[in-house]
Amino acid sequence: MTQSALADSSRAIESLLAFWSEAGVETCVLDAPVDRTTPLAPPPKPAVLVQPQAGPKPAAATPEIGAALEEARALAAAAADLAALEAAIAAFEGCPLRHQGAQRSVFSRGPADAPVMVIGEGPGAEEDAQGAPFVGRAGKLLDQMLTAAGLQNRVFITNTVYWRPPGNRTPTHMEQAVCAPFLERTIQLVQPRLLLLVGGASAKFLLKKDEGILSLRGRWFEWSSQDGELVLPALPTLHPAFLLRQPAAKKRAWTDLLTLAERLDRQSRPA
């Protein structure tokens, strides 16, 4: 390249740099030009890490559901009275809840010849500590409502399961099913005239319904024993723990109790 050509090239470069400087360009990012029209190669796929397979899971600590049910049926059938039934429940190892932190089994409270059986879902922390159902804040509210409706000393109170679920969660259908023979035997021994099903888990399990408690409450259904020989009117209602969270719903639960009390009194009147 001649000296004249070099001079012309330098002036061209200076002119171009001056143009870009006036345009606001202050930094040169790359030393070499890049053809942006050339398709880029796809990035390499990340390496897949193969996790080692886990070893065999340990065997469950609780008995298989079928064997547990057979044991519960045998124990329940052998109980001649409520005291024997409570002892059988305390000795029963087949419910998984027994092995999940519960301190004791929680069976019942109330007169053994009560005309109404109140069936809740399961024990909470206070119930687990004291060994009786519905003795915490929700239980105190339930007692107040039952007294106001004229039902005090006329109810026998129990649950669908007899050990506290961890964290006071709702008992599962399987946990309720394992305990069902004990609950059915309780109903046979107490011989109530009416059932009050407290909370969605209790109502849905005992009535074999999929509807929520807000749909079931306040409506009469029939509960029947496994063999179909015992059939009782059953009224679902809201759980007092729900009423503590939603005080506005107390009116509906109160209406349910009045409905139950009216039917009970009607049955008690001489023909």
C-alpha atoms as a PDB file:
ATOM      1  CA  MET A   1       0.000   0.000   0.000  1.00  0.00           C
ATOM      2  CA  THR A   2       1.355   3.449  -1.024  1.00  0.00           C
ATOM      3  CA  GLN A   3       1.910   6.289   1.399  1.00  0.00           C
ATOM      4  CA  SER A   4      -0.998   8.150  -0.172  1.00  0.00           C
ATOM      5  CA  ALA A   5      -3.317   5.155   0.296  1.00  0.00           C
ATOM      6  CA  LEU A   6      -2.309   4.823   3.946  1.00  0.00           C
ATOM      7  CA  ALA A   7      -3.048   8.495   4.519  1.00  0.00           C
ATOM      8  CA  ASP A   8      -6.463   8.157   2.891  1.00  0.00           C
ATOM      9  CA  SER A   9      -7.233   5.080   5.051  1.00  0.00           C
ATOM     10  CA  SER A  10      -6.232   6.889   8.253  1.00  0.00           C
ATOM     11  CA  ARG A  11      -8.451   9.864   7.376  1.00  0.00           C
ATOM     12  CA  ALA A  12     -11.355   7.499   6.704  1.00  0.00           C
ATOM     13  CA  ILE A  13     -10.880   5.803  10.056  1.00  0.00           C
ATOM     14  CA  GLU A  14     -10.664   9.142  11.861  1.00  0.00           C
ATOM     15  CA  SER A  15     -13.811  10.326  10.109  1.00  0.00           C
ATOM     16  CA  LEU A  16     -15.691   7.156  11.062  1.00  0.00           C
ATOM     17  CA  LEU A  17     -14.560   7.412  14.686  1.00  0.00           C
ATOM     18  CA  ALA A  18     -15.637  11.047  14.798  1.00  0.00           C
ATOM     19  CA  PHE A  19     -19.043  10.069  13.418  1.00  0.00           C
ATOM     20  CA  TRP A  20     -19.583   7.369  16.068  1.00  0.00           C
ATOM     21  CA  SER A  21     -18.347   9.697  18.801  1.00  0.00           C
ATOM     22  CA  GLU A  22     -20.865  12.360  17.792  1.00  0.00           C
ATOM     23  CA  ALA A  23     -23.525   9.614  17.764  1.00  0.00           C
ATOM     24  CA  GLY A  24     -22.762   8.886  21.429  1.00  0.00           C
ATOM     25  CA  VAL A  25     -20.747   5.692  21.083  1.00  0.00           C
ATOM     26  CA  GLU A  26     -18.010   5.739  23.698  1.00  0.00           C
ATOM     27  CA  THR A  27     -16.910   2.106  24.037  1.00  0.00           C
ATOM     28  CA  CYS A  28     -15.656  -0.448  21.558  1.00  0.00           C
ATOM     29  CA  VAL A  29     -16.987  -3.788  22.727  1.00  0.00           C
ATOM     30  CA  LEU A  30     -15.182  -6.163  20.410  1.00  0.00           C
ATOM     31  CA  ASP A  31     -11.838  -5.926  18.663  1.00  0.00           C
ATOM     32  CA  ALA A  32     -13.061  -7.900  15.645  1.00  0.00           C
ATOM     33  CA  PRO A  33     -16.315  -7.586  13.705  1.00  0.00           C
ATOM     34  CA  VAL A  34     -18.995 -10.283  14.159  1.00  0.00           C
ATOM     35  CA  ASP A  35     -21.371 -11.427  11.441  1.00  0.00           C
ATOM     36  CA  ARG A  36     -24.737 -11.307  13.221  1.00  0.00           C
ATOM     37  CA  THR A  37     -26.528 -12.947  10.268  1.00  0.00           C
ATOM     38  CA  THR A  38     -24.838 -16.321  10.832  1.00  0.00           C
ATOM     39  CA  PRO A  39     -27.063 -18.703  12.882  1.00  0.00           C
ATOM     40  CA  LEU A  40     -25.592 -19.538  16.239  1.00  0.00           C
ATOM     41  CA  ALA A  41     -24.915 -23.141  17.137  1.00  0.00           C
ATOM     42  CA  PRO A  42     -27.266 -24.489  19.858  1.00  0.00           C
ATOM     43  CA  PRO A  43     -25.757 -24.506  23.343  1.00  0.00           C
ATOM     44  CA  PRO A  44     -24.555 -27.878  24.599  1.00  0.00           C
ATOM     45  CA  LYS A  45     -27.082 -29.864  26.613  1.00  0.00           C
ATOM     46  CA  PRO A  46     -26.408 -29.896  30.338  1.00  0.00           C
ATOM     47  CA  ALA A  47     -25.052 -33.093  31.703  1.00  0.00           C
ATOM     48  CA  VAL A  48     -27.682 -35.280  33.399  1.00  0.00           C
ATOM     49  CA  LEU A  49     -26.655 -36.431  36.822  1.00  0.00           C
ATOM     50  CA  VAL A  50     -27.837 -39.960  37.528  1.00  0.00           C
ATOM     51  CA  GLN A  51     -28.951 -40.300  41.125  1.00  0.00           C
ATOM     52  CA  PRO A  52     -28.131 -43.576  42.795  1.00  0.00           C
ATOM     53  CA  GLN A  53     -31.190 -45.713  43.417  1.00  0.00           C
ATOM     54  CA  ALA A  54     -32.479 -45.684  46.944  1.00  0.00           C
ATOM     55  CA  GLY A  55     -32.410 -48.857  48.941  1.00  0.00           C
ATOM     56  CA  PRO A  56     -35.562 -50.744  49.914  1.00  0.00           C
ATOM     57  CA  LYS A  57     -37.973 -48.802  52.083  1.00  0.00           C
ATOM     58  CA  PRO A  58     -38.341 -50.013  55.644  1.00  0.00           C
ATOM     59  CA  ALA A  59     -41.481 -51.984  56.413  1.00  0.00           C
ATOM     60  CA  ALA A  60     -44.384 -50.017  57.838  1.00  0.00           C
ATOM     61  CA  ALA A  61     -44.508 -49.975  61.599  1.00  0.00           C
ATOM     62  CA  THR A  62     -48.297 -50.370  61.729  1.00  0.00           C
ATOM     63  CA  PRO A  63     -50.250 -53.481  60.742  1.00  0.00           C
ATOM     64  CA  GLU A  64     -51.778 -53.884  57.305  1.00  0.00           C
ATOM     65  CA  ILE A  65     -55.278 -52.432  57.077  1.00  0.00           C
ATOM     66  CA  GLY A  66     -57.062 -55.756  56.525  1.00  0.00           C
ATOM     67  CA  ALA A  67     -55.513 -57.439  59.539  1.00  0.00           C
ATOM     68  CA  ALA A  68     -56.082 -54.341  61.658  1.00  0.00           C
ATOM     69  CA  LEU A  69     -59.756 -54.268  60.717  1.00  0.00           C
ATOM     70  CA  GLU A  70     -60.214 -57.928  61.602  1.00  0.00           C
ATOM     71  CA  GLU A  71     -58.588 -57.325  64.974  1.00  0.00           C
ATOM     72  CA  ALA A  72     -60.756 -54.253  65.622  1.00  0.00           C
ATOM     73  CA  ARG A  73     -63.925 -56.201  64.779  1.00  0.00           C
ATOM     74  CA  ALA A  74     -62.958 -59.042  67.099  1.00  0.00           C
ATOM     75  CA  LEU A  75     -62.084 -56.720  69.984  1.00  0.00           C
ATOM     76  CA  ALA A  76     -65.234 -54.658  69.534  1.00  0.00           C
ATOM     77  CA  ALA A  77     -67.525 -57.678  69.364  1.00  0.00           C
ATOM     78  CA  ALA A  78     -66.009 -59.117  72.542  1.00  0.00           C
ATOM     79  CA  ALA A  79     -66.679 -55.925  74.561  1.00  0.00           C
ATOM     80  CA  ALA A  80     -69.790 -56.492  76.665  1.00  0.00           C
ATOM     81  CA  ASP A  81     -69.992 -52.932  78.012  1.00  0.00           C
ATOM     82  CA  LEU A  82     -68.458 -49.494  77.543  1.00  0.00           C
ATOM     83  CA  ALA A  83     -65.712 -50.060  80.097  1.00  0.00           C
ATOM     84  CA  ALA A  84     -64.574 -53.184  78.278  1.00  0.00           C
ATOM     85  CA  LEU A  85     -64.787 -51.363  74.959  1.00  0.00           C
ATOM     86  CA  GLU A  86     -62.645 -48.497  76.245  1.00  0.00           C
ATOM     87  CA  ALA A  87     -60.044 -51.002  77.448  1.00  0.00           C
ATOM     88  CA  ALA A  88     -60.096 -52.746  74.060  1.00  0.00           C
ATOM     89  CA  ILE A  89     -59.511 -49.450  72.270  1.00  0.00           C
ATOM     90  CA  ALA A  90     -56.621 -48.597  74.601  1.00  0.00           C
ATOM     91  CA  ALA A  91     -54.996 -51.951  73.825  1.00  0.00           C
ATOM     92  CA  PHE A  92     -55.559 -51.757  70.048  1.00  0.00           C
ATOM     93  CA  GLU A  93     -52.344 -51.338  68.039  1.00  0.00           C
ATOM     94  CA  GLY A  94     -53.855 -51.264  64.563  1.00  0.00           C
ATOM     95  CA  CYS A  95     -54.639 -47.573  64.060  1.00  0.00           C
ATOM     96  CA  PRO A  96     -51.658 -45.705  62.548  1.00  0.00           C
ATOM     97  CA  LEU A  97     -52.467 -42.646  64.669  1.00  0.00           C
ATOM     98  CA  ARG A  98     -51.447 -44.542  67.796  1.00  0.00           C
ATOM     99  CA  HIS A  99     -47.848 -44.533  66.534  1.00  0.00           C
ATOM    100  CA  GLN A 100     -47.696 -40.868  65.482  1.00  0.00           C
ATOM    101  CA  GLY A 101     -47.183 -39.067  68.773  1.00  0.00           C
ATOM    102  CA  ALA A 102     -50.504 -39.471  70.599  1.00  0.00           C
ATOM    103  CA  GLN A 103     -50.122 -39.784  74.359  1.00  0.00           C
ATOM    104  CA  ARG A 104     -53.191 -41.943  74.931  1.00  0.00           C
ATOM    105  CA  SER A 105     -56.478 -43.112  73.467  1.00  0.00           C
ATOM    106  CA  VAL A 106     -59.465 -40.792  73.954  1.00  0.00           C
ATOM    107  CA  PHE A 107     -62.799 -42.584  74.105  1.00  0.00           C
ATOM    108  CA  SER A 108     -65.855 -40.754  75.424  1.00  0.00           C
ATOM    109  CA  ARG A 109     -67.669 -38.691  78.019  1.00  0.00           C
ATOM    110  CA  GLY A 110     -71.323 -38.423  78.997  1.00  0.00           C
ATOM    111  CA  PRO A 111     -74.020 -40.737  80.366  1.00  0.00           C
ATOM    112  CA  ALA A 112     -74.011 -44.255  78.945  1.00  0.00           C
ATOM    113  CA  ASP A 113     -77.790 -44.158  78.374  1.00  0.00           C
ATOM    114  CA  ALA A 114     -77.886 -40.761  76.646  1.00  0.00           C
ATOM    115  CA  PRO A 115     -80.560 -40.422  73.942  1.00  0.00           C
ATOM    116  CA  VAL A 116     -78.190 -38.424  71.694  1.00  0.00           C
ATOM    117  CA  MET A 117     -74.707 -39.443  70.582  1.00  0.00           C
ATOM    118  CA  VAL A 118     -72.414 -36.624  69.441  1.00  0.00           C
ATOM    119  CA  ILE A 119     -69.718 -37.908  67.085  1.00  0.00           C
ATOM    120  CA  GLY A 120     -66.829 -35.597  66.284  1.00  0.00           C
ATOM    121  CA  GLU A 121     -63.772 -36.107  64.106  1.00  0.00           C
ATOM    122  CA  GLY A 122     -60.831 -36.804  66.415  1.00  0.00           C
ATOM    123  CA  PRO A 123     -59.066 -35.655  69.597  1.00  0.00           C
ATOM    124  CA  GLY A 124     -57.020 -32.457  69.679  1.00  0.00           C
ATOM    125  CA  ALA A 125     -54.132 -31.423  71.912  1.00  0.00           C
ATOM    126  CA  GLU A 126     -56.271 -30.771  75.006  1.00  0.00           C
ATOM    127  CA  GLU A 127     -58.175 -34.001  74.519  1.00  0.00           C
ATOM    128  CA  ASP A 128     -54.925 -35.937  74.152  1.00  0.00           C
ATOM    129  CA  ALA A 129     -53.635 -34.381  77.371  1.00  0.00           C
ATOM    130  CA  GLN A 130     -56.807 -34.957  79.414  1.00  0.00           C
ATOM    131  CA  GLY A 131     -58.041 -38.222  77.904  1.00  0.00           C
ATOM    132  CA  ALA A 132     -61.591 -37.027  77.123  1.00  0.00           C
ATOM    133  CA  PRO A 133     -63.205 -35.708  73.917  1.00  0.00           C
ATOM    134  CA  PHE A 134     -64.207 -32.079  73.384  1.00  0.00           C
ATOM    135  CA  VAL A 135     -62.564 -30.535  76.451  1.00  0.00           C
ATOM    136  CA  GLY A 136     -60.621 -27.724  74.745  1.00  0.00           C
ATOM    137  CA  ARG A 137     -61.935 -24.367  73.516  1.00  0.00           C
ATOM    138  CA  ALA A 138     -64.108 -26.026  70.876  1.00  0.00           C
ATOM    139  CA  GLY A 139     -65.476 -28.453  73.456  1.00  0.00           C
ATOM    140  CA  LYS A 140     -66.366 -25.661  75.861  1.00  0.00           C
ATOM    141  CA  LEU A 141     -68.279 -23.917  73.090  1.00  0.00           C
ATOM    142  CA  LEU A 142     -70.069 -27.167  72.247  1.00  0.00           C
ATOM    143  CA  ASP A 143     -71.066 -27.631  75.906  1.00  0.00           C
ATOM    144  CA  GLN A 144     -72.422 -24.082  76.075  1.00  0.00           C
ATOM    145  CA  MET A 145     -74.527 -24.605  72.967  1.00  0.00           C
ATOM    146  CA  LEU A 146     -75.820 -27.993  74.121  1.00  0.00           C
ATOM    147  CA  THR A 147     -76.786 -26.505  77.488  1.00  0.00           C
ATOM    148  CA  ALA A 148     -78.554 -23.573  75.856  1.00  0.00           C
ATOM    149  CA  ALA A 149     -80.522 -26.015  73.683  1.00  0.00           C
ATOM    150  CA  GLY A 150     -81.580 -28.058  76.713  1.00  0.00           C
ATOM    151  CA  LEU A 151     -79.405 -31.024  75.772  1.00  0.00           C
ATOM    152  CA  GLN A 152     -76.991 -31.053  78.707  1.00  0.00           C
ATOM    153  CA  ASN A 153     -76.727 -34.487  80.362  1.00  0.00           C
ATOM    154  CA  ARG A 154     -78.557 -35.949  77.370  1.00  0.00           C
ATOM    155  CA  VAL A 155     -75.550 -36.507  75.102  1.00  0.00           C
ATOM    156  CA  PHE A 156     -72.820 -39.119  74.898  1.00  0.00           C
ATOM    157  CA  ILE A 157     -69.760 -37.657  73.150  1.00  0.00           C
ATOM    158  CA  THR A 158     -67.128 -39.544  71.160  1.00  0.00           C
ATOM    159  CA  ASN A 159     -65.135 -39.316  67.878  1.00  0.00           C
ATOM    160  CA  THR A 160     -64.524 -41.275  64.692  1.00  0.00           C
ATOM    161  CA  VAL A 161     -60.887 -41.899  65.757  1.00  0.00           C
ATOM    162  CA  TYR A 162     -59.464 -42.280  69.252  1.00  0.00           C
ATOM    163  CA  TRP A 163     -55.933 -40.927  68.918  1.00  0.00           C
ATOM    164  CA  ARG A 164     -54.896 -37.370  68.142  1.00  0.00           C
ATOM    165  CA  PRO A 165     -53.836 -36.863  64.498  1.00  0.00           C
ATOM    166  CA  PRO A 166     -50.461 -35.073  64.256  1.00  0.00           C
ATOM    167  CA  GLY A 167     -50.890 -31.307  64.257  1.00  0.00           C
ATOM    168  CA  ASN A 168     -54.635 -31.719  64.843  1.00  0.00           C
ATOM    169  CA  ARG A 169     -55.083 -32.518  61.163  1.00  0.00           C
ATOM    170  CA  THR A 170     -58.277 -34.122  59.858  1.00  0.00           C
ATOM    171  CA  PRO A 171     -58.242 -37.928  60.210  1.00  0.00           C
ATOM    172  CA  THR A 172     -57.979 -39.853  56.965  1.00  0.00           C
ATOM    173  CA  HIS A 173     -60.651 -42.207  55.682  1.00  0.00           C
ATOM    174  CA  MET A 174     -58.376 -45.178  56.342  1.00  0.00           C
ATOM    175  CA  GLU A 175     -57.788 -44.111  59.951  1.00  0.00           C
ATOM    176  CA  GLN A 176     -61.539 -43.739  60.453  1.00  0.00           C
ATOM    177  CA  ALA A 177     -62.223 -47.096  58.795  1.00  0.00           C
ATOM    178  CA  VAL A 178     -59.859 -48.932  61.166  1.00  0.00           C
ATOM    179  CA  CYS A 179     -61.653 -47.401  64.160  1.00  0.00           C
ATOM    180  CA  ALA A 180     -65.161 -47.884  62.722  1.00  0.00           C
ATOM    181  CA  PRO A 181     -65.869 -51.251  64.429  1.00  0.00           C
ATOM    182  CA  PHE A 182     -65.303 -49.610  67.820  1.00  0.00           C
ATOM    183  CA  LEU A 183     -67.602 -46.707  66.965  1.00  0.00           C
ATOM    184  CA  GLU A 184     -70.340 -49.029  65.738  1.00  0.00           C
ATOM    185  CA  ARG A 185     -70.069 -51.110  68.905  1.00  0.00           C
ATOM    186  CA  THR A 186     -70.311 -47.899  70.937  1.00  0.00           C
ATOM    187  CA  ILE A 187     -73.573 -47.035  69.203  1.00  0.00           C
ATOM    188  CA  GLN A 188     -74.895 -50.552  69.849  1.00  0.00           C
ATOM    189  CA  LEU A 189     -74.075 -50.322  73.561  1.00  0.00           C
ATOM    190  CA  VAL A 190     -75.349 -46.783  74.173  1.00  0.00           C
ATOM    191  CA  GLN A 191     -78.442 -47.236  71.970  1.00  0.00           C
ATOM    192  CA  PRO A 192     -79.036 -43.534  71.292  1.00  0.00           C
ATOM    193  CA  ARG A 193     -82.159 -42.389  69.492  1.00  0.00           C
ATOM    194  CA  LEU A 194     -80.397 -39.688  67.452  1.00  0.00           C
ATOM    195  CA  LEU A 195     -76.882 -39.011  66.158  1.00  0.00           C
ATOM    196  CA  LEU A 196     -75.337 -35.531  65.911  1.00  0.00           C
ATOM    197  CA  LEU A 197     -72.418 -35.644  63.459  1.00  0.00           C
ATOM    198  CA  VAL A 198     -70.050 -32.777  64.229  1.00  0.00           C
ATOM    199  CA  GLY A 199     -67.793 -31.615  61.406  1.00  0.00           C
ATOM    200  CA  GLY A 200     -67.289 -32.574  57.787  1.00  0.00           C
ATOM    201  CA  ALA A 201     -64.964 -35.542  58.361  1.00  0.00           C
ATOM    202  CA  SER A 202     -67.467 -37.178  60.724  1.00  0.00           C
ATOM    203  CA  ALA A 203     -70.537 -36.533  58.574  1.00  0.00           C
ATOM    204  CA  LYS A 204     -68.961 -37.563  55.265  1.00  0.00           C
ATOM    205  CA  PHE A 205     -67.495 -40.781  56.672  1.00  0.00           C
ATOM    206  CA  LEU A 206     -70.535 -41.982  58.599  1.00  0.00           C
ATOM    207  CA  LEU A 207     -73.060 -41.034  55.925  1.00  0.00           C
ATOM    208  CA  LYS A 208     -70.815 -42.065  52.995  1.00  0.00           C
ATOM    209  CA  LYS A 209     -71.296 -38.689  51.339  1.00  0.00           C
ATOM    210  CA  ASP A 210     -68.945 -36.550  49.261  1.00  0.00           C
ATOM    211  CA  GLU A 211     -70.700 -33.239  49.904  1.00  0.00           C
ATOM    212  CA  GLY A 212     -69.127 -30.618  52.152  1.00  0.00           C
ATOM    213  CA  ILE A 213     -70.429 -29.908  55.637  1.00  0.00           C
ATOM    214  CA  LEU A 214     -71.985 -26.598  54.584  1.00  0.00           C
ATOM    215  CA  SER A 215     -74.210 -28.573  52.224  1.00  0.00           C
ATOM    216  CA  LEU A 216     -74.890 -31.494  54.599  1.00  0.00           C
ATOM    217  CA  ARG A 217     -75.598 -29.561  57.799  1.00  0.00           C
ATOM    218  CA  GLY A 218     -79.151 -29.104  58.973  1.00  0.00           C
ATOM    219  CA  ARG A 219     -80.461 -32.037  56.907  1.00  0.00           C
ATOM    220  CA  TRP A 220     -81.613 -35.363  58.373  1.00  0.00           C
ATOM    221  CA  PHE A 221     -80.027 -38.554  57.055  1.00  0.00           C
ATOM    222  CA  GLU A 222     -80.017 -42.192  58.117  1.00  0.00           C
ATOM    223  CA  TRP A 223     -76.952 -43.901  59.501  1.00  0.00           C
ATOM    224  CA  SER A 224     -76.948 -47.697  59.287  1.00  0.00           C
ATOM    225  CA  SER A 225     -74.667 -50.283  60.853  1.00  0.00           C
ATOM    226  CA  GLN A 226     -72.427 -52.473  58.724  1.00  0.00           C
ATOM    227  CA  ASP A 227     -74.942 -55.327  58.773  1.00  0.00           C
ATOM    228  CA  GLY A 228     -77.887 -52.983  58.207  1.00  0.00           C
ATOM    229  CA  GLU A 229     -79.693 -54.129  61.349  1.00  0.00           C
ATOM    230  CA  LEU A 230     -79.374 -50.790  63.175  1.00  0.00           C
ATOM    231  CA  VAL A 231     -80.615 -47.595  61.523  1.00  0.00           C
ATOM    232  CA  LEU A 232     -80.661 -44.189  63.261  1.00  0.00           C
ATOM    233  CA  PRO A 233     -81.529 -40.614  62.258  1.00  0.00           C
ATOM    234  CA  ALA A 234     -78.369 -38.540  61.920  1.00  0.00           C
ATOM    235  CA  LEU A 235     -78.032 -34.757  61.733  1.00  0.00           C
ATOM    236  CA  PRO A 236     -74.742 -33.200  60.529  1.00  0.00           C
ATOM    237  CA  THR A 237     -73.705 -29.831  61.963  1.00  0.00           C
ATOM    238  CA  LEU A 238     -70.736 -27.484  61.951  1.00  0.00           C
ATOM    239  CA  HIS A 239     -67.734 -28.236  64.119  1.00  0.00           C
ATOM    240  CA  PRO A 240     -67.303 -25.801  67.055  1.00  0.00           C
ATOM    241  CA  ALA A 241     -63.666 -25.283  66.016  1.00  0.00           C
ATOM    242  CA  PHE A 242     -65.023 -23.881  62.739  1.00  0.00           C
ATOM    243  CA  LEU A 243     -67.418 -21.661  64.689  1.00  0.00           C
ATOM    244  CA  LEU A 244     -64.499 -20.223  66.666  1.00  0.00           C
ATOM    245  CA  ARG A 245     -62.906 -19.200  63.367  1.00  0.00           C
ATOM    246  CA  GLN A 246     -66.195 -18.101  61.763  1.00  0.00           C
ATOM    247  CA  PRO A 247     -68.448 -16.706  64.532  1.00  0.00           C
ATOM    248  CA  ALA A 248     -71.070 -15.658  61.993  1.00  0.00           C
ATOM    249  CA  ALA A 249     -71.795 -19.351  61.355  1.00  0.00           C
ATOM    250  CA  LYS A 250     -72.943 -19.938  64.952  1.00  0.00           C
ATOM    251  CA  LYS A 251     -76.508 -19.097  63.964  1.00  0.00           C
ATOM    252  CA  ARG A 252     -76.633 -22.062  61.582  1.00  0.00           C
ATOM    253  CA  ALA A 253     -75.196 -24.469  64.161  1.00  0.00           C
ATOM    254  CA  TRP A 254     -77.663 -23.158  66.740  1.00  0.00           C
ATOM    255  CA  THR A 255     -80.525 -23.824  64.333  1.00  0.00           C
ATOM    256  CA  ASP A 256     -79.258 -27.399  63.920  1.00  0.00           C
ATOM    257  CA  LEU A 257     -79.249 -27.974  67.684  1.00  0.00           C
ATOM    258  CA  LEU A 258     -82.771 -26.628  68.031  1.00  0.00           C
ATOM    259  CA  THR A 259     -83.864 -28.952  65.215  1.00  0.00           C
ATOM    260  CA  LEU A 260     -82.326 -31.916  67.016  1.00  0.00           C
ATOM    261  CA  ALA A 261     -83.776 -30.948  70.404  1.00  0.00           C
ATOM    262  CA  GLU A 262     -87.247 -30.542  68.901  1.00  0.00           C
ATOM    263  CA  ARG A 263     -87.131 -33.990  67.279  1.00  0.00           C
ATOM    264  CA  LEU A 264     -85.837 -35.569  70.477  1.00  0.00           C
ATOM    265  CA  ASP A 265     -88.593 -33.999  72.554  1.00  0.00           C
ATOM    266  CA  ARG A 266     -91.177 -35.044  69.985  1.00  0.00           C
ATOM    267  CA  GLN A 267     -90.009 -38.657  70.273  1.00  0.00           C
ATOM    268  CA  SER A 268     -90.183 -38.433  74.070  1.00  0.00           C
ATOM    269  CA  ARG A 269     -93.809 -37.281  74.183  1.00  0.00           C
ATOM    270  CA  PRO A 270     -96.400 -39.983  74.799  1.00  0.00           C
ATOM    271  CA  ALA A 271     -98.482 -40.876  71.768  1.00  0.00           C
END
